[in-house]
Amino acid sequence: MVAPIYKWEELDCTCVAGSVSLLREVKDMASVQISTREPSIATQARKLRLSRLITQEELAAAAGVSKEEVNRLEQGLPLILNSKRKILKELWAKKAEK
């Protein structure tokens, strides 16, 4: 866990009354962790499918897998590697067509 930049106890609370709300915002910001991680394959696959305006059923049929397997991939659940490969291959093939 990353240590917050500001510690509430260290902030000077003797400032102008209008700055009190700013101090509260700083306190809230100090507890927020910013994620710099890339979106997961599951998130990317779902966004790509939705951007292509195709259903899970249509993607499953095109990839030769079941709808449940597409759903498992999009939820980030364990999936047989060959099924994952087929689904992603179909998604990226559709991406290249556009």
N, C-alpha and C. Protein backbone atom coordinates (compact mmCIF):
# COMPACT_ATOMS: atom_id res chain seq x y z
N MET A 1 0.83 -1.17 0.00
CA MET A 1 0.00 0.00 0.00
C MET A 1 0.88 1.24 0.00
N VAL A 2 0.54 2.18 -0.84
CA VAL A 2 1.31 3.41 -0.96
C VAL A 2 0.89 4.36 0.15
N ALA A 3 1.88 4.96 0.79
CA ALA A 3 1.60 5.91 1.87
C ALA A 3 1.01 7.18 1.27
N PRO A 4 0.00 7.76 1.90
CA PRO A 4 -0.58 8.99 1.38
C PRO A 4 0.44 10.13 1.42
N ILE A 5 0.29 11.05 0.49
CA ILE A 5 1.19 12.19 0.42
C ILE A 5 0.96 13.12 1.61
N TYR A 6 -0.30 13.30 1.97
CA TYR A 6 -0.64 14.21 3.06
C TYR A 6 -1.12 13.42 4.27
N LYS A 7 -0.78 13.89 5.42
CA LYS A 7 -1.32 13.32 6.65
C LYS A 7 -2.21 14.38 7.26
N TRP A 8 -3.43 14.02 7.56
CA TRP A 8 -4.41 14.97 8.06
C TRP A 8 -3.90 15.73 9.27
N GLU A 9 -3.19 15.03 10.13
CA GLU A 9 -2.70 15.67 11.35
C GLU A 9 -1.69 16.77 11.04
N GLU A 10 -0.99 16.67 9.92
CA GLU A 10 0.05 17.64 9.59
C GLU A 10 -0.51 18.90 8.93
N LEU A 11 -1.76 18.87 8.48
CA LEU A 11 -2.33 20.02 7.80
C LEU A 11 -2.66 21.12 8.81
N ASP A 12 -2.41 22.33 8.43
CA ASP A 12 -2.66 23.47 9.30
C ASP A 12 -4.14 23.84 9.23
N CYS A 13 -4.84 23.65 10.32
CA CYS A 13 -6.28 23.92 10.37
C CYS A 13 -6.57 25.35 10.80
N THR A 14 -5.57 26.20 10.88
CA THR A 14 -5.77 27.59 11.29
C THR A 14 -5.90 28.52 10.09
N CYS A 15 -6.30 27.96 8.95
CA CYS A 15 -6.39 28.75 7.73
C CYS A 15 -7.74 29.46 7.63
N VAL A 16 -7.92 30.19 6.56
CA VAL A 16 -9.16 30.93 6.31
C VAL A 16 -10.33 29.96 6.24
N ALA A 17 -11.50 30.38 6.70
CA ALA A 17 -12.67 29.51 6.75
C ALA A 17 -13.01 28.89 5.40
N GLY A 18 -12.81 29.63 4.31
CA GLY A 18 -13.12 29.11 2.97
C GLY A 18 -12.22 27.95 2.57
N SER A 19 -11.08 27.82 3.19
CA SER A 19 -10.14 26.76 2.84
C SER A 19 -10.43 25.45 3.57
N VAL A 20 -11.36 25.47 4.51
CA VAL A 20 -11.67 24.25 5.27
C VAL A 20 -12.18 23.17 4.34
N SER A 21 -13.04 23.53 3.38
CA SER A 21 -13.54 22.52 2.46
C SER A 21 -12.41 21.97 1.59
N LEU A 22 -11.47 22.83 1.24
CA LEU A 22 -10.31 22.37 0.47
C LEU A 22 -9.50 21.37 1.28
N LEU A 23 -9.33 21.65 2.56
CA LEU A 23 -8.60 20.73 3.43
C LEU A 23 -9.31 19.37 3.51
N ARG A 24 -10.64 19.41 3.54
CA ARG A 24 -11.40 18.15 3.55
C ARG A 24 -11.16 17.37 2.26
N GLU A 25 -11.12 18.07 1.13
CA GLU A 25 -10.86 17.41 -0.15
C GLU A 25 -9.48 16.79 -0.17
N VAL A 26 -8.50 17.51 0.37
CA VAL A 26 -7.14 16.98 0.43
C VAL A 26 -7.10 15.73 1.29
N LYS A 27 -7.82 15.75 2.40
CA LYS A 27 -7.88 14.58 3.28
C LYS A 27 -8.48 13.40 2.53
N ASP A 28 -9.56 13.65 1.77
CA ASP A 28 -10.18 12.57 1.00
C ASP A 28 -9.24 12.07 -0.09
N MET A 29 -8.52 12.97 -0.73
CA MET A 29 -7.59 12.56 -1.78
C MET A 29 -6.46 11.70 -1.22
N ALA A 30 -6.05 11.98 -0.02
CA ALA A 30 -4.95 11.25 0.59
C ALA A 30 -5.28 9.78 0.79
N SER A 31 -6.55 9.47 0.91
CA SER A 31 -6.91 8.08 1.13
C SER A 31 -7.22 7.35 -0.16
N VAL A 32 -7.25 8.05 -1.29
CA VAL A 32 -7.57 7.42 -2.57
C VAL A 32 -6.29 6.87 -3.19
N GLN A 33 -6.36 5.63 -3.62
CA GLN A 33 -5.24 5.02 -4.30
C GLN A 33 -5.48 5.10 -5.81
N ILE A 34 -4.54 5.63 -6.54
CA ILE A 34 -4.67 5.76 -7.99
C ILE A 34 -4.05 4.54 -8.64
N SER A 35 -4.83 3.90 -9.51
CA SER A 35 -4.36 2.70 -10.19
C SER A 35 -3.71 3.08 -11.51
N THR A 36 -2.51 2.59 -11.73
CA THR A 36 -1.82 2.83 -13.00
C THR A 36 -1.75 1.54 -13.81
N ARG A 37 -2.46 0.52 -13.36
CA ARG A 37 -2.44 -0.76 -14.05
C ARG A 37 -3.25 -0.68 -15.33
N GLU A 38 -2.85 -1.46 -16.30
CA GLU A 38 -3.60 -1.58 -17.54
C GLU A 38 -4.90 -2.32 -17.26
N PRO A 39 -5.95 -2.03 -18.03
CA PRO A 39 -7.20 -2.79 -17.87
C PRO A 39 -6.95 -4.27 -18.16
N SER A 40 -7.67 -5.12 -17.47
CA SER A 40 -7.49 -6.56 -17.66
C SER A 40 -7.95 -6.99 -19.05
N ILE A 41 -7.52 -8.17 -19.45
CA ILE A 41 -7.97 -8.73 -20.73
C ILE A 41 -9.49 -8.84 -20.73
N ALA A 42 -10.06 -9.20 -19.58
CA ALA A 42 -11.52 -9.34 -19.48
C ALA A 42 -12.20 -8.01 -19.79
N THR A 43 -11.71 -6.94 -19.20
CA THR A 43 -12.29 -5.61 -19.42
C THR A 43 -12.10 -5.17 -20.87
N GLN A 44 -10.92 -5.40 -21.41
CA GLN A 44 -10.65 -5.03 -22.79
C GLN A 44 -11.53 -5.81 -23.76
N ALA A 45 -11.69 -7.11 -23.50
CA ALA A 45 -12.51 -7.95 -24.38
C ALA A 45 -13.96 -7.48 -24.37
N ARG A 46 -14.48 -7.21 -23.19
CA ARG A 46 -15.87 -6.75 -23.10
C ARG A 46 -16.07 -5.42 -23.80
N LYS A 47 -15.16 -4.47 -23.58
CA LYS A 47 -15.27 -3.16 -24.23
C LYS A 47 -15.19 -3.29 -25.74
N LEU A 48 -14.30 -4.15 -26.21
CA LEU A 48 -14.15 -4.34 -27.66
C LEU A 48 -15.41 -4.97 -28.25
N ARG A 49 -15.97 -5.96 -27.56
CA ARG A 49 -17.20 -6.60 -28.06
C ARG A 49 -18.33 -5.59 -28.11
N LEU A 50 -18.48 -4.81 -27.06
CA LEU A 50 -19.55 -3.81 -27.03
C LEU A 50 -19.35 -2.72 -28.08
N SER A 51 -18.11 -2.36 -28.33
CA SER A 51 -17.84 -1.34 -29.35
C SER A 51 -18.17 -1.85 -30.75
N ARG A 52 -18.12 -3.16 -30.93
CA ARG A 52 -18.47 -3.78 -32.22
C ARG A 52 -19.97 -4.07 -32.33
N LEU A 53 -20.70 -3.78 -31.24
CA LEU A 53 -22.16 -3.97 -31.21
C LEU A 53 -22.56 -5.42 -31.51
N ILE A 54 -21.82 -6.36 -30.89
CA ILE A 54 -22.19 -7.77 -31.04
C ILE A 54 -22.50 -8.34 -29.66
N THR A 55 -23.39 -9.31 -29.64
CA THR A 55 -23.79 -9.94 -28.39
C THR A 55 -22.80 -11.04 -28.03
N GLN A 56 -22.89 -11.50 -26.79
CA GLN A 56 -22.06 -12.64 -26.38
C GLN A 56 -22.39 -13.87 -27.22
N GLU A 57 -23.67 -14.04 -27.53
CA GLU A 57 -24.10 -15.18 -28.34
C GLU A 57 -23.48 -15.13 -29.74
N GLU A 58 -23.48 -13.95 -30.34
CA GLU A 58 -22.91 -13.80 -31.69
C GLU A 58 -21.41 -14.05 -31.67
N LEU A 59 -20.73 -13.53 -30.67
CA LEU A 59 -19.29 -13.74 -30.56
C LEU A 59 -18.99 -15.22 -30.33
N ALA A 60 -19.77 -15.86 -29.48
CA ALA A 60 -19.57 -17.29 -29.20
C ALA A 60 -19.73 -18.11 -30.47
N ALA A 61 -20.78 -17.82 -31.24
CA ALA A 61 -21.03 -18.57 -32.47
C ALA A 61 -19.89 -18.36 -33.47
N ALA A 62 -19.43 -17.13 -33.60
CA ALA A 62 -18.35 -16.82 -34.54
C ALA A 62 -17.03 -17.48 -34.12
N ALA A 63 -16.81 -17.58 -32.81
CA ALA A 63 -15.56 -18.15 -32.30
C ALA A 63 -15.63 -19.67 -32.14
N GLY A 64 -16.83 -20.22 -32.21
CA GLY A 64 -16.98 -21.67 -32.05
C GLY A 64 -16.90 -22.13 -30.61
N VAL A 65 -17.37 -21.29 -29.70
CA VAL A 65 -17.39 -21.64 -28.27
C VAL A 65 -18.79 -21.35 -27.73
N SER A 66 -19.02 -21.69 -26.48
CA SER A 66 -20.33 -21.44 -25.88
C SER A 66 -20.42 -20.00 -25.35
N LYS A 67 -21.65 -19.53 -25.19
CA LYS A 67 -21.89 -18.20 -24.62
C LYS A 67 -21.31 -18.13 -23.21
N GLU A 68 -21.42 -19.23 -22.47
CA GLU A 68 -20.90 -19.26 -21.10
C GLU A 68 -19.39 -19.02 -21.07
N GLU A 69 -18.68 -19.53 -22.09
CA GLU A 69 -17.24 -19.33 -22.14
C GLU A 69 -16.91 -17.85 -22.41
N VAL A 70 -17.68 -17.21 -23.28
CA VAL A 70 -17.49 -15.77 -23.52
C VAL A 70 -17.76 -15.00 -22.24
N ASN A 71 -18.82 -15.37 -21.55
CA ASN A 71 -19.17 -14.72 -20.28
C ASN A 71 -18.05 -14.91 -19.25
N ARG A 72 -17.49 -16.10 -19.15
CA ARG A 72 -16.41 -16.37 -18.20
C ARG A 72 -15.18 -15.51 -18.52
N LEU A 73 -14.87 -15.38 -19.81
CA LEU A 73 -13.73 -14.56 -20.21
C LEU A 73 -13.95 -13.10 -19.79
N GLU A 74 -15.15 -12.58 -20.06
CA GLU A 74 -15.44 -11.18 -19.75
C GLU A 74 -15.50 -10.91 -18.25
N GLN A 75 -15.75 -11.93 -17.47
CA GLN A 75 -15.78 -11.76 -16.01
C GLN A 75 -14.42 -12.03 -15.37
N GLY A 76 -13.44 -12.44 -16.18
CA GLY A 76 -12.11 -12.71 -15.65
C GLY A 76 -12.01 -14.02 -14.90
N LEU A 77 -12.95 -14.93 -15.16
CA LEU A 77 -12.95 -16.23 -14.50
C LEU A 77 -12.05 -17.21 -15.26
N PRO A 78 -11.63 -18.29 -14.61
CA PRO A 78 -10.79 -19.28 -15.28
C PRO A 78 -11.50 -19.84 -16.52
N LEU A 79 -10.70 -20.04 -17.56
CA LEU A 79 -11.23 -20.52 -18.83
C LEU A 79 -10.15 -21.32 -19.53
N ILE A 80 -10.55 -22.37 -20.23
CA ILE A 80 -9.60 -23.17 -20.99
C ILE A 80 -8.87 -22.27 -21.98
N LEU A 81 -7.57 -22.38 -22.03
CA LEU A 81 -6.75 -21.50 -22.85
C LEU A 81 -7.17 -21.52 -24.32
N ASN A 82 -7.51 -22.68 -24.85
CA ASN A 82 -7.90 -22.78 -26.26
C ASN A 82 -9.18 -21.98 -26.52
N SER A 83 -10.12 -22.01 -25.59
CA SER A 83 -11.36 -21.23 -25.74
C SER A 83 -11.06 -19.74 -25.67
N LYS A 84 -10.20 -19.35 -24.75
CA LYS A 84 -9.82 -17.94 -24.62
C LYS A 84 -9.16 -17.46 -25.91
N ARG A 85 -8.29 -18.30 -26.46
CA ARG A 85 -7.61 -17.95 -27.70
C ARG A 85 -8.59 -17.76 -28.84
N LYS A 86 -9.56 -18.65 -28.97
CA LYS A 86 -10.56 -18.55 -30.04
C LYS A 86 -11.37 -17.26 -29.94
N ILE A 87 -11.80 -16.95 -28.72
CA ILE A 87 -12.62 -15.75 -28.52
C ILE A 87 -11.81 -14.48 -28.84
N LEU A 88 -10.59 -14.40 -28.30
CA LEU A 88 -9.77 -13.22 -28.54
C LEU A 88 -9.37 -13.09 -30.01
N LYS A 89 -9.11 -14.22 -30.64
CA LYS A 89 -8.77 -14.20 -32.07
C LYS A 89 -9.93 -13.63 -32.88
N GLU A 90 -11.13 -14.05 -32.56
CA GLU A 90 -12.32 -13.56 -33.26
C GLU A 90 -12.54 -12.07 -32.99
N LEU A 91 -12.38 -11.65 -31.74
CA LEU A 91 -12.54 -10.23 -31.41
C LEU A 91 -11.53 -9.36 -32.15
N TRP A 92 -10.27 -9.76 -32.14
CA TRP A 92 -9.24 -8.96 -32.79
C TRP A 92 -9.36 -9.04 -34.31
N ALA A 93 -9.86 -10.14 -34.84
CA ALA A 93 -10.11 -10.23 -36.29
C ALA A 93 -11.18 -9.23 -36.69
N LYS A 94 -12.24 -9.12 -35.88
CA LYS A 94 -13.29 -8.15 -36.15
C LYS A 94 -12.77 -6.73 -36.02
N LYS A 95 -11.83 -6.52 -35.09
CA LYS A 95 -11.24 -5.19 -34.90
C LYS A 95 -10.45 -4.80 -36.16
N ALA A 96 -9.72 -5.76 -36.72
CA ALA A 96 -8.90 -5.48 -37.90
C ALA A 96 -9.75 -5.19 -39.14
N GLU A 97 -10.95 -5.77 -39.19
CA GLU A 97 -11.84 -5.56 -40.34
C GLU A 97 -12.32 -4.12 -40.42
N LYS A 98 -12.52 -3.49 -39.29
CA LYS A 98 -13.10 -2.13 -39.25
C LYS A 98 -12.09 -1.07 -39.56
